[in-house]
Amino acid sequence: MIKVSVLYPASASSTFDIAYYANKHIPMVRSKLGAALRGASVDKGLGGAAPGSAAPYHCMGHLLFDSVEAFQAAFGPHAKAIMADIPNYTNAQPVIQISEVLS
């Protein structure tokens, strides 16, 4: 199992519409990726390690797939549409990481 994590860094000048992301973007991604997408979750940043500090990320989206190849096959045909939706909810540049889920 692999996880594709999309992290949206928070800064003084960045904005993020969590309602749009959770209620419109992620459902659109789910519908486009179909059965290849084994699961998805959205984490809203609340704070950093120090009490009262700001969260380093507005949000993190996590998508689960059986393999990197399954992700690439599902995402490739829809990449343009999925990426084109980003300005509708943020001006932050997303950071993407693909990980192997070990436990």
PDB file of N, CA and C in Angstrom:
ATOM      1  N   MET A   1       0.857  -1.166   0.000  1.00  0.00           N
ATOM      2  CA  MET A   1       0.000   0.000   0.000  1.00  0.00           C
ATOM      3  C   MET A   1       0.907   1.234   0.000  1.00  0.00           C
ATOM      4  N   ILE A   2       0.525   2.237  -0.795  1.00  0.00           N
ATOM      5  CA  ILE A   2       1.261   3.491  -0.786  1.00  0.00           C
ATOM      6  C   ILE A   2       0.306   4.631  -0.430  1.00  0.00           C
ATOM      7  N   LYS A   3       0.890   5.679   0.103  1.00  0.00           N
ATOM      8  CA  LYS A   3       0.142   6.873   0.472  1.00  0.00           C
ATOM      9  C   LYS A   3       0.729   8.051  -0.281  1.00  0.00           C
ATOM     10  N   VAL A   4      -0.143   8.791  -0.946  1.00  0.00           N
ATOM     11  CA  VAL A   4       0.246  10.039  -1.582  1.00  0.00           C
ATOM     12  C   VAL A   4      -0.240  11.146  -0.654  1.00  0.00           C
ATOM     13  N   SER A   5       0.708  11.874  -0.080  1.00  0.00           N
ATOM     14  CA  SER A   5       0.380  12.961   0.841  1.00  0.00           C
ATOM     15  C   SER A   5       0.612  14.295   0.143  1.00  0.00           C
ATOM     16  N   VAL A   6      -0.386  15.164   0.244  1.00  0.00           N
ATOM     17  CA  VAL A   6      -0.293  16.500  -0.329  1.00  0.00           C
ATOM     18  C   VAL A   6      -0.389  17.475   0.845  1.00  0.00           C
ATOM     19  N   LEU A   7       0.715  18.175   1.111  1.00  0.00           N
ATOM     20  CA  LEU A   7       0.807  19.082   2.252  1.00  0.00           C
ATOM     21  C   LEU A   7       0.789  20.520   1.752  1.00  0.00           C
ATOM     22  N   TYR A   8       0.011  21.352   2.398  1.00  0.00           N
ATOM     23  CA  TYR A   8      -0.149  22.746   2.004  1.00  0.00           C
ATOM     24  C   TYR A   8       0.477  23.638   3.072  1.00  0.00           C
ATOM     25  N   PRO A   9       1.714  24.110   2.844  1.00  0.00           N
ATOM     26  CA  PRO A   9       2.420  24.917   3.840  1.00  0.00           C
ATOM     27  C   PRO A   9       1.679  26.209   4.167  1.00  0.00           C
ATOM     28  N   ALA A  10       1.673  26.535   5.447  1.00  0.00           N
ATOM     29  CA  ALA A  10       1.075  27.781   5.920  1.00  0.00           C
ATOM     30  C   ALA A  10       2.147  28.859   5.981  1.00  0.00           C
ATOM     31  N   SER A  11       1.782  30.053   5.580  1.00  0.00           N
ATOM     32  CA  SER A  11       2.674  31.207   5.707  1.00  0.00           C
ATOM     33  C   SER A  11       1.815  32.435   5.967  1.00  0.00           C
ATOM     34  N   ALA A  12       2.466  33.546   6.251  1.00  0.00           N
ATOM     35  CA  ALA A  12       1.731  34.788   6.527  1.00  0.00           C
ATOM     36  C   ALA A  12       0.896  35.228   5.332  1.00  0.00           C
ATOM     37  N   SER A  13       1.306  34.862   4.131  1.00  0.00           N
ATOM     38  CA  SER A  13       0.596  35.312   2.931  1.00  0.00           C
ATOM     39  C   SER A  13      -0.275  34.235   2.278  1.00  0.00           C
ATOM     40  N   SER A  14      -0.268  33.022   2.828  1.00  0.00           N
ATOM     41  CA  SER A  14      -1.052  31.957   2.193  1.00  0.00           C
ATOM     42  C   SER A  14      -2.467  31.900   2.749  1.00  0.00           C
ATOM     43  N   THR A  15      -3.364  31.439   1.899  1.00  0.00           N
ATOM     44  CA  THR A  15      -4.765  31.275   2.286  1.00  0.00           C
ATOM     45  C   THR A  15      -5.178  29.840   1.983  1.00  0.00           C
ATOM     46  N   PHE A  16      -6.211  29.373   2.673  1.00  0.00           N
ATOM     47  CA  PHE A  16      -6.694  28.016   2.455  1.00  0.00           C
ATOM     48  C   PHE A  16      -8.160  27.935   2.842  1.00  0.00           C
ATOM     49  N   ASP A  17      -8.997  27.451   1.923  1.00  0.00           N
ATOM     50  CA  ASP A  17     -10.428  27.281   2.171  1.00  0.00           C
ATOM     51  C   ASP A  17     -10.672  25.798   2.462  1.00  0.00           C
ATOM     52  N   ILE A  18     -10.661  25.449   3.737  1.00  0.00           N
ATOM     53  CA  ILE A  18     -10.782  24.044   4.141  1.00  0.00           C
ATOM     54  C   ILE A  18     -12.142  23.472   3.767  1.00  0.00           C
ATOM     55  N   ALA A  19     -13.191  24.284   3.824  1.00  0.00           N
ATOM     56  CA  ALA A  19     -14.531  23.791   3.465  1.00  0.00           C
ATOM     57  C   ALA A  19     -14.571  23.389   1.992  1.00  0.00           C
ATOM     58  N   TYR A  20     -14.014  24.220   1.128  1.00  0.00           N
ATOM     59  CA  TYR A  20     -13.977  23.881  -0.298  1.00  0.00           C
ATOM     60  C   TYR A  20     -13.155  22.617  -0.504  1.00  0.00           C
ATOM     61  N   TYR A  21     -12.001  22.553   0.122  1.00  0.00           N
ATOM     62  CA  TYR A  21     -11.110  21.402  -0.053  1.00  0.00           C
ATOM     63  C   TYR A  21     -11.805  20.103   0.360  1.00  0.00           C
ATOM     64  N   ALA A  22     -12.400  20.105   1.549  1.00  0.00           N
ATOM     65  CA  ALA A  22     -13.012  18.892   2.089  1.00  0.00           C
ATOM     66  C   ALA A  22     -14.325  18.534   1.391  1.00  0.00           C
ATOM     67  N   ASN A  23     -15.103  19.529   1.010  1.00  0.00           N
ATOM     68  CA  ASN A  23     -16.449  19.273   0.494  1.00  0.00           C
ATOM     69  C   ASN A  23     -16.570  19.272  -1.028  1.00  0.00           C
ATOM     70  N   LYS A  24     -15.581  19.840  -1.721  1.00  0.00           N
ATOM     71  CA  LYS A  24     -15.653  19.881  -3.186  1.00  0.00           C
ATOM     72  C   LYS A  24     -14.446  19.232  -3.852  1.00  0.00           C
ATOM     73  N   HIS A  25     -13.239  19.645  -3.436  1.00  0.00           N
ATOM     74  CA  HIS A  25     -12.041  19.120  -4.108  1.00  0.00           C
ATOM     75  C   HIS A  25     -11.869  17.619  -3.877  1.00  0.00           C
ATOM     76  N   ILE A  26     -11.870  17.190  -2.642  1.00  0.00           N
ATOM     77  CA  ILE A  26     -11.648  15.769  -2.348  1.00  0.00           C
ATOM     78  C   ILE A  26     -12.743  14.890  -2.956  1.00  0.00           C
ATOM     79  N   PRO A  27     -14.028  15.248  -2.877  1.00  0.00           N
ATOM     80  CA  PRO A  27     -15.027  14.430  -3.584  1.00  0.00           C
ATOM     81  C   PRO A  27     -14.787  14.368  -5.095  1.00  0.00           C
ATOM     82  N   MET A  28     -14.326  15.458  -5.697  1.00  0.00           N
ATOM     83  CA  MET A  28     -14.008  15.449  -7.121  1.00  0.00           C
ATOM     84  C   MET A  28     -12.845  14.494  -7.397  1.00  0.00           C
ATOM     85  N   VAL A  29     -11.826  14.548  -6.550  1.00  0.00           N
ATOM     86  CA  VAL A  29     -10.676  13.650  -6.701  1.00  0.00           C
ATOM     87  C   VAL A  29     -11.135  12.195  -6.566  1.00  0.00           C
ATOM     88  N   ARG A  30     -11.958  11.923  -5.573  1.00  0.00           N
ATOM     89  CA  ARG A  30     -12.478  10.558  -5.376  1.00  0.00           C
ATOM     90  C   ARG A  30     -13.192  10.059  -6.634  1.00  0.00           C
ATOM     91  N   SER A  31     -14.048  10.914  -7.204  1.00  0.00           N
ATOM     92  CA  SER A  31     -14.821  10.482  -8.369  1.00  0.00           C
ATOM     93  C   SER A  31     -13.921  10.242  -9.588  1.00  0.00           C
ATOM     94  N   LYS A  32     -12.889  11.055  -9.756  1.00  0.00           N
ATOM     95  CA  LYS A  32     -12.002  10.900 -10.907  1.00  0.00           C
ATOM     96  C   LYS A  32     -11.077   9.690 -10.767  1.00  0.00           C
ATOM     97  N   LEU A  33     -10.615   9.412  -9.556  1.00  0.00           N
ATOM     98  CA  LEU A  33      -9.658   8.320  -9.365  1.00  0.00           C
ATOM     99  C   LEU A  33     -10.325   6.952  -9.242  1.00  0.00           C
ATOM    100  N   GLY A  34     -11.604   6.935  -8.935  1.00  0.00           N
ATOM    101  CA  GLY A  34     -12.380   5.701  -8.932  1.00  0.00           C
ATOM    102  C   GLY A  34     -11.876   4.642  -7.978  1.00  0.00           C
ATOM    103  N   ALA A  35     -12.018   3.389  -8.407  1.00  0.00           N
ATOM    104  CA  ALA A  35     -11.700   2.243  -7.548  1.00  0.00           C
ATOM    105  C   ALA A  35     -10.222   2.121  -7.217  1.00  0.00           C
ATOM    106  N   ALA A  36      -9.358   2.759  -7.985  1.00  0.00           N
ATOM    107  CA  ALA A  36      -7.924   2.717  -7.675  1.00  0.00           C
ATOM    108  C   ALA A  36      -7.620   3.402  -6.342  1.00  0.00           C
ATOM    109  N   LEU A  37      -8.443   4.380  -5.990  1.00  0.00           N
ATOM    110  CA  LEU A  37      -8.278   5.092  -4.723  1.00  0.00           C
ATOM    111  C   LEU A  37      -8.869   4.234  -3.613  1.00  0.00           C
ATOM    112  N   ARG A  38      -8.012   3.747  -2.737  1.00  0.00           N
ATOM    113  CA  ARG A  38      -8.444   2.844  -1.658  1.00  0.00           C
ATOM    114  C   ARG A  38      -8.935   3.574  -0.417  1.00  0.00           C
ATOM    115  N   GLY A  39      -8.574   4.836  -0.293  1.00  0.00           N
ATOM    116  CA  GLY A  39      -9.013   5.628   0.848  1.00  0.00           C
ATOM    117  C   GLY A  39      -8.445   7.019   0.753  1.00  0.00           C
ATOM    118  N   ALA A  40      -9.107   7.953   1.431  1.00  0.00           N
ATOM    119  CA  ALA A  40      -8.650   9.344   1.453  1.00  0.00           C
ATOM    120  C   ALA A  40      -8.979   9.945   2.804  1.00  0.00           C
ATOM    121  N   SER A  41      -8.112  10.833   3.256  1.00  0.00           N
ATOM    122  CA  SER A  41      -8.381  11.553   4.498  1.00  0.00           C
ATOM    123  C   SER A  41      -7.850  12.974   4.376  1.00  0.00           C
ATOM    124  N   VAL A  42      -8.434  13.853   5.179  1.00  0.00           N
ATOM    125  CA  VAL A  42      -8.054  15.259   5.210  1.00  0.00           C
ATOM    126  C   VAL A  42      -7.714  15.611   6.649  1.00  0.00           C
ATOM    127  N   ASP A  43      -6.515  16.176   6.853  1.00  0.00           N
ATOM    128  CA  ASP A  43      -6.087  16.634   8.174  1.00  0.00           C
ATOM    129  C   ASP A  43      -6.003  18.149   8.153  1.00  0.00           C
ATOM    130  N   LYS A  44      -6.714  18.817   9.045  1.00  0.00           N
ATOM    131  CA  LYS A  44      -6.663  20.275   9.169  1.00  0.00           C
ATOM    132  C   LYS A  44      -5.631  20.634  10.232  1.00  0.00           C
ATOM    133  N   GLY A  45      -4.674  21.489   9.871  1.00  0.00           N
ATOM    134  CA  GLY A  45      -3.643  21.901  10.816  1.00  0.00           C
ATOM    135  C   GLY A  45      -4.225  22.740  11.944  1.00  0.00           C
ATOM    136  N   LEU A  46      -3.858  22.392  13.179  1.00  0.00           N
ATOM    137  CA  LEU A  46      -4.339  23.132  14.352  1.00  0.00           C
ATOM    138  C   LEU A  46      -3.227  23.879  15.073  1.00  0.00           C
ATOM    139  N   GLY A  47      -2.026  23.340  15.073  1.00  0.00           N
ATOM    140  CA  GLY A  47      -0.929  23.982  15.791  1.00  0.00           C
ATOM    141  C   GLY A  47       0.372  23.245  15.578  1.00  0.00           C
ATOM    142  N   GLY A  48       1.443  23.869  16.036  1.00  0.00           N
ATOM    143  CA  GLY A  48       2.767  23.266  15.960  1.00  0.00           C
ATOM    144  C   GLY A  48       3.105  22.539  17.248  1.00  0.00           C
ATOM    145  N   ALA A  49       4.364  22.126  17.375  1.00  0.00           N
ATOM    146  CA  ALA A  49       4.801  21.362  18.541  1.00  0.00           C
ATOM    147  C   ALA A  49       4.752  22.178  19.831  1.00  0.00           C
ATOM    148  N   ALA A  50       5.111  23.450  19.758  1.00  0.00           N
ATOM    149  CA  ALA A  50       5.102  24.294  20.952  1.00  0.00           C
ATOM    150  C   ALA A  50       3.678  24.779  21.223  1.00  0.00           C
ATOM    151  N   PRO A  51       3.269  24.790  22.478  1.00  0.00           N
ATOM    152  CA  PRO A  51       1.927  25.270  22.811  1.00  0.00           C
ATOM    153  C   PRO A  51       1.687  26.680  22.250  1.00  0.00           C
ATOM    154  N   GLY A  52       0.559  26.839  21.574  1.00  0.00           N
ATOM    155  CA  GLY A  52       0.198  28.140  21.036  1.00  0.00           C
ATOM    156  C   GLY A  52       0.846  28.492  19.709  1.00  0.00           C
ATOM    157  N   SER A  53       1.725  27.633  19.197  1.00  0.00           N
ATOM    158  CA  SER A  53       2.379  27.944  17.922  1.00  0.00           C
ATOM    159  C   SER A  53       1.459  27.589  16.754  1.00  0.00           C
ATOM    160  N   ALA A  54       1.701  28.240  15.648  1.00  0.00           N
ATOM    161  CA  ALA A  54       0.892  28.015  14.457  1.00  0.00           C
ATOM    162  C   ALA A  54       1.244  26.679  13.805  1.00  0.00           C
ATOM    163  N   ALA A  55       0.267  26.100  13.142  1.00  0.00           N
ATOM    164  CA  ALA A  55       0.495  24.860  12.398  1.00  0.00           C
ATOM    165  C   ALA A  55       1.402  25.152  11.202  1.00  0.00           C
ATOM    166  N   PRO A  56       2.366  24.290  10.919  1.00  0.00           N
ATOM    167  CA  PRO A  56       3.225  24.512   9.762  1.00  0.00           C
ATOM    168  C   PRO A  56       2.503  24.280   8.431  1.00  0.00           C
ATOM    169  N   TYR A  57       1.386  23.556   8.481  1.00  0.00           N
ATOM    170  CA  TYR A  57       0.599  23.275   7.276  1.00  0.00           C
ATOM    171  C   TYR A  57      -0.856  23.636   7.517  1.00  0.00           C
ATOM    172  N   HIS A  58      -1.485  24.266   6.522  1.00  0.00           N
ATOM    173  CA  HIS A  58      -2.926  24.531   6.590  1.00  0.00           C
ATOM    174  C   HIS A  58      -3.675  23.210   6.667  1.00  0.00           C
ATOM    175  N   CYS A  59      -3.236  22.290   5.823  1.00  0.00           N
ATOM    176  CA  CYS A  59      -3.982  21.060   5.612  1.00  0.00           C
ATOM    177  C   CYS A  59      -3.060  20.018   5.003  1.00  0.00           C
ATOM    178  N   MET A  60      -3.428  18.750   5.198  1.00  0.00           N
ATOM    179  CA  MET A  60      -2.754  17.644   4.530  1.00  0.00           C
ATOM    180  C   MET A  60      -3.823  16.709   3.995  1.00  0.00           C
ATOM    181  N   GLY A  61      -3.693  16.349   2.742  1.00  0.00           N
ATOM    182  CA  GLY A  61      -4.580  15.361   2.146  1.00  0.00           C
ATOM    183  C   GLY A  61      -3.797  14.087   1.917  1.00  0.00           C
ATOM    184  N   HIS A  62      -4.415  12.956   2.221  1.00  0.00           N
ATOM    185  CA  HIS A  62      -3.738  11.666   2.080  1.00  0.00           C
ATOM    186  C   HIS A  62      -4.593  10.734   1.227  1.00  0.00           C
ATOM    187  N   LEU A  63      -3.986  10.153   0.215  1.00  0.00           N
ATOM    188  CA  LEU A  63      -4.665   9.249  -0.702  1.00  0.00           C
ATOM    189  C   LEU A  63      -3.960   7.902  -0.689  1.00  0.00           C
ATOM    190  N   LEU A  64      -4.713   6.820  -0.570  1.00  0.00           N
ATOM    191  CA  LEU A  64      -4.148   5.472  -0.503  1.00  0.00           C
ATOM    192  C   LEU A  64      -4.385   4.712  -1.810  1.00  0.00           C
ATOM    193  N   PHE A  65      -3.340   4.018  -2.268  1.00  0.00           N
ATOM    194  CA  PHE A  65      -3.383   3.213  -3.481  1.00  0.00           C
ATOM    195  C   PHE A  65      -2.639   1.908  -3.233  1.00  0.00           C
ATOM    196  N   ASP A  66      -2.926   0.904  -4.051  1.00  0.00           N
ATOM    197  CA  ASP A  66      -2.227  -0.375  -3.919  1.00  0.00           C
ATOM    198  C   ASP A  66      -0.753  -0.267  -4.290  1.00  0.00           C
ATOM    199  N   SER A  67      -0.423   0.615  -5.245  1.00  0.00           N
ATOM    200  CA  SER A  67       0.956   0.727  -5.709  1.00  0.00           C
ATOM    201  C   SER A  67       1.167   2.096  -6.351  1.00  0.00           C
ATOM    202  N   VAL A  68       2.423   2.441  -6.573  1.00  0.00           N
ATOM    203  CA  VAL A  68       2.755   3.680  -7.275  1.00  0.00           C
ATOM    204  C   VAL A  68       2.177   3.619  -8.688  1.00  0.00           C
ATOM    205  N   GLU A  69       2.259   2.458  -9.302  1.00  0.00           N
ATOM    206  CA  GLU A  69       1.733   2.298 -10.658  1.00  0.00           C
ATOM    207  C   GLU A  69       0.223   2.515 -10.701  1.00  0.00           C
ATOM    208  N   ALA A  70      -0.488   2.030  -9.686  1.00  0.00           N
ATOM    209  CA  ALA A  70      -1.942   2.230  -9.619  1.00  0.00           C
ATOM    210  C   ALA A  70      -2.265   3.712  -9.473  1.00  0.00           C
ATOM    211  N   PHE A  71      -1.483   4.411  -8.652  1.00  0.00           N
ATOM    212  CA  PHE A  71      -1.667   5.861  -8.507  1.00  0.00           C
ATOM    213  C   PHE A  71      -1.436   6.555  -9.837  1.00  0.00           C
ATOM    214  N   GLN A  72      -0.325   6.266 -10.481  1.00  0.00           N
ATOM    215  CA  GLN A  72       0.022   6.942 -11.727  1.00  0.00           C
ATOM    216  C   GLN A  72      -1.021   6.684 -12.815  1.00  0.00           C
ATOM    217  N   ALA A  73      -1.505   5.451 -12.908  1.00  0.00           N
ATOM    218  CA  ALA A  73      -2.507   5.110 -13.921  1.00  0.00           C
ATOM    219  C   ALA A  73      -3.827   5.829 -13.665  1.00  0.00           C
ATOM    220  N   ALA A  74      -4.208   5.974 -12.403  1.00  0.00           N
ATOM    221  CA  ALA A  74      -5.470   6.636 -12.065  1.00  0.00           C
ATOM    222  C   ALA A  74      -5.353   8.150 -12.159  1.00  0.00           C
ATOM    223  N   PHE A  75      -4.236   8.701 -11.695  1.00  0.00           N
ATOM    224  CA  PHE A  75      -4.063  10.155 -11.626  1.00  0.00           C
ATOM    225  C   PHE A  75      -3.747  10.770 -12.984  1.00  0.00           C
ATOM    226  N   GLY A  76      -2.906  10.110 -13.761  1.00  0.00           N
ATOM    227  CA  GLY A  76      -2.425  10.662 -15.027  1.00  0.00           C
ATOM    228  C   GLY A  76      -3.495  11.270 -15.919  1.00  0.00           C
ATOM    229  N   PRO A  77      -4.562  10.536 -16.227  1.00  0.00           N
ATOM    230  CA  PRO A  77      -5.581  11.067 -17.128  1.00  0.00           C
ATOM    231  C   PRO A  77      -6.352  12.269 -16.558  1.00  0.00           C
ATOM    232  N   HIS A  78      -6.295  12.462 -15.243  1.00  0.00           N
ATOM    233  CA  HIS A  78      -7.073  13.519 -14.589  1.00  0.00           C
ATOM    234  C   HIS A  78      -6.203  14.599 -13.948  1.00  0.00           C
ATOM    235  N   ALA A  79      -4.897  14.480 -14.114  1.00  0.00           N
ATOM    236  CA  ALA A  79      -3.967  15.403 -13.446  1.00  0.00           C
ATOM    237  C   ALA A  79      -4.280  16.860 -13.758  1.00  0.00           C
ATOM    238  N   LYS A  80      -4.524  17.169 -15.002  1.00  0.00           N
ATOM    239  CA  LYS A  80      -4.761  18.555 -15.398  1.00  0.00           C
ATOM    240  C   LYS A  80      -5.986  19.127 -14.691  1.00  0.00           C
ATOM    241  N   ALA A  81      -7.084  18.375 -14.658  1.00  0.00           N
ATOM    242  CA  ALA A  81      -8.319  18.852 -14.014  1.00  0.00           C
ATOM    243  C   ALA A  81      -8.141  18.981 -12.501  1.00  0.00           C
ATOM    244  N   ILE A  82      -7.479  18.011 -11.892  1.00  0.00           N
ATOM    245  CA  ILE A  82      -7.273  18.047 -10.439  1.00  0.00           C
ATOM    246  C   ILE A  82      -6.386  19.230 -10.057  1.00  0.00           C
ATOM    247  N   MET A  83      -5.297  19.407 -10.778  1.00  0.00           N
ATOM    248  CA  MET A  83      -4.377  20.510 -10.487  1.00  0.00           C
ATOM    249  C   MET A  83      -5.017  21.871 -10.780  1.00  0.00           C
ATOM    250  N   ALA A  84      -5.872  21.949 -11.782  1.00  0.00           N
ATOM    251  CA  ALA A  84      -6.530  23.211 -12.135  1.00  0.00           C
ATOM    252  C   ALA A  84      -7.477  23.691 -11.038  1.00  0.00           C
ATOM    253  N   ASP A  85      -7.897  22.802 -10.163  1.00  0.00           N
ATOM    254  CA  ASP A  85      -8.820  23.169  -9.085  1.00  0.00           C
ATOM    255  C   ASP A  85      -8.106  23.811  -7.898  1.00  0.00           C
ATOM    256  N   ILE A  86      -6.794  23.665  -7.800  1.00  0.00           N
ATOM    257  CA  ILE A  86      -6.044  24.158  -6.638  1.00  0.00           C
ATOM    258  C   ILE A  86      -6.290  25.640  -6.358  1.00  0.00           C
ATOM    259  N   PRO A  87      -6.273  26.542  -7.344  1.00  0.00           N
ATOM    260  CA  PRO A  87      -6.505  27.956  -7.046  1.00  0.00           C
ATOM    261  C   PRO A  87      -7.888  28.264  -6.459  1.00  0.00           C
ATOM    262  N   ASN A  88      -8.800  27.313  -6.549  1.00  0.00           N
ATOM    263  CA  ASN A  88     -10.130  27.518  -5.959  1.00  0.00           C
ATOM    264  C   ASN A  88     -10.121  27.429  -4.433  1.00  0.00           C
ATOM    265  N   TYR A  89      -9.061  26.858  -3.840  1.00  0.00           N
ATOM    266  CA  TYR A  89      -9.034  26.735  -2.383  1.00  0.00           C
ATOM    267  C   TYR A  89      -7.747  27.220  -1.723  1.00  0.00           C
ATOM    268  N   THR A  90      -6.685  27.471  -2.487  1.00  0.00           N
ATOM    269  CA  THR A  90      -5.454  27.939  -1.843  1.00  0.00           C
ATOM    270  C   THR A  90      -4.537  28.657  -2.828  1.00  0.00           C
ATOM    271  N   ASN A  91      -3.675  29.481  -2.255  1.00  0.00           N
ATOM    272  CA  ASN A  91      -2.584  30.066  -3.041  1.00  0.00           C
ATOM    273  C   ASN A  91      -1.238  29.476  -2.599  1.00  0.00           C
ATOM    274  N   ALA A  92      -1.287  28.482  -1.710  1.00  0.00           N
ATOM    275  CA  ALA A  92      -0.070  27.806  -1.237  1.00  0.00           C
ATOM    276  C   ALA A  92       0.392  26.801  -2.290  1.00  0.00           C
ATOM    277  N   GLN A  93       1.696  26.644  -2.399  1.00  0.00           N
ATOM    278  CA  GLN A  93       2.279  25.656  -3.316  1.00  0.00           C
ATOM    279  C   GLN A  93       2.327  24.311  -2.591  1.00  0.00           C
ATOM    280  N   PRO A  94       1.573  23.299  -3.048  1.00  0.00           N
ATOM    281  CA  PRO A  94       1.556  22.025  -2.327  1.00  0.00           C
ATOM    282  C   PRO A  94       2.887  21.279  -2.420  1.00  0.00           C
ATOM    283  N   VAL A  95       3.173  20.535  -1.366  1.00  0.00           N
ATOM    284  CA  VAL A  95       4.327  19.648  -1.301  1.00  0.00           C
ATOM    285  C   VAL A  95       3.768  18.230  -1.359  1.00  0.00           C
ATOM    286  N   ILE A  96       4.291  17.413  -2.253  1.00  0.00           N
ATOM    287  CA  ILE A  96       3.764  16.056  -2.438  1.00  0.00           C
ATOM    288  C   ILE A  96       4.823  15.035  -2.052  1.00  0.00           C
ATOM    289  N   GLN A  97       4.384  14.042  -1.292  1.00  0.00           N
ATOM    290  CA  GLN A  97       5.270  12.937  -0.926  1.00  0.00           C
ATOM    291  C   GLN A  97       4.531  11.629  -1.164  1.00  0.00           C
ATOM    292  N   ILE A  98       5.224  10.659  -1.759  1.00  0.00           N
ATOM    293  CA  ILE A  98       4.708   9.315  -1.912  1.00  0.00           C
ATOM    294  C   ILE A  98       5.460   8.432  -0.920  1.00  0.00           C
ATOM    295  N   SER A  99       4.696   7.713  -0.100  1.00  0.00           N
ATOM    296  CA  SER A  99       5.285   6.891   0.950  1.00  0.00           C
ATOM    297  C   SER A  99       4.749   5.465   0.867  1.00  0.00           C
ATOM    298  N   GLU A 100       5.541   4.553   1.362  1.00  0.00           N
ATOM    299  CA  GLU A 100       5.063   3.179   1.541  1.00  0.00           C
ATOM    300  C   GLU A 100       4.500   3.072   2.944  1.00  0.00           C
ATOM    301  N   VAL A 101       3.290   2.552   3.055  1.00  0.00           N
ATOM    302  CA  VAL A 101       2.655   2.376   4.354  1.00  0.00           C
ATOM    303  C   VAL A 101       3.145   1.060   4.945  1.00  0.00           C
ATOM    304  N   LEU A 102       3.837   1.150   6.077  1.00  0.00           N
ATOM    305  CA  LEU A 102       4.427  -0.045   6.700  1.00  0.00           C
ATOM    306  C   LEU A 102       3.559  -0.609   7.815  1.00  0.00           C
ATOM    307  N   SER A 103       2.771   0.216   8.446  1.00  0.00           N
ATOM    308  CA  SER A 103       1.883  -0.284   9.514  1.00  0.00           C
ATOM    309  C   SER A 103       0.698   0.627   9.675  1.00  0.00           C
TER     310      SER A 103
END
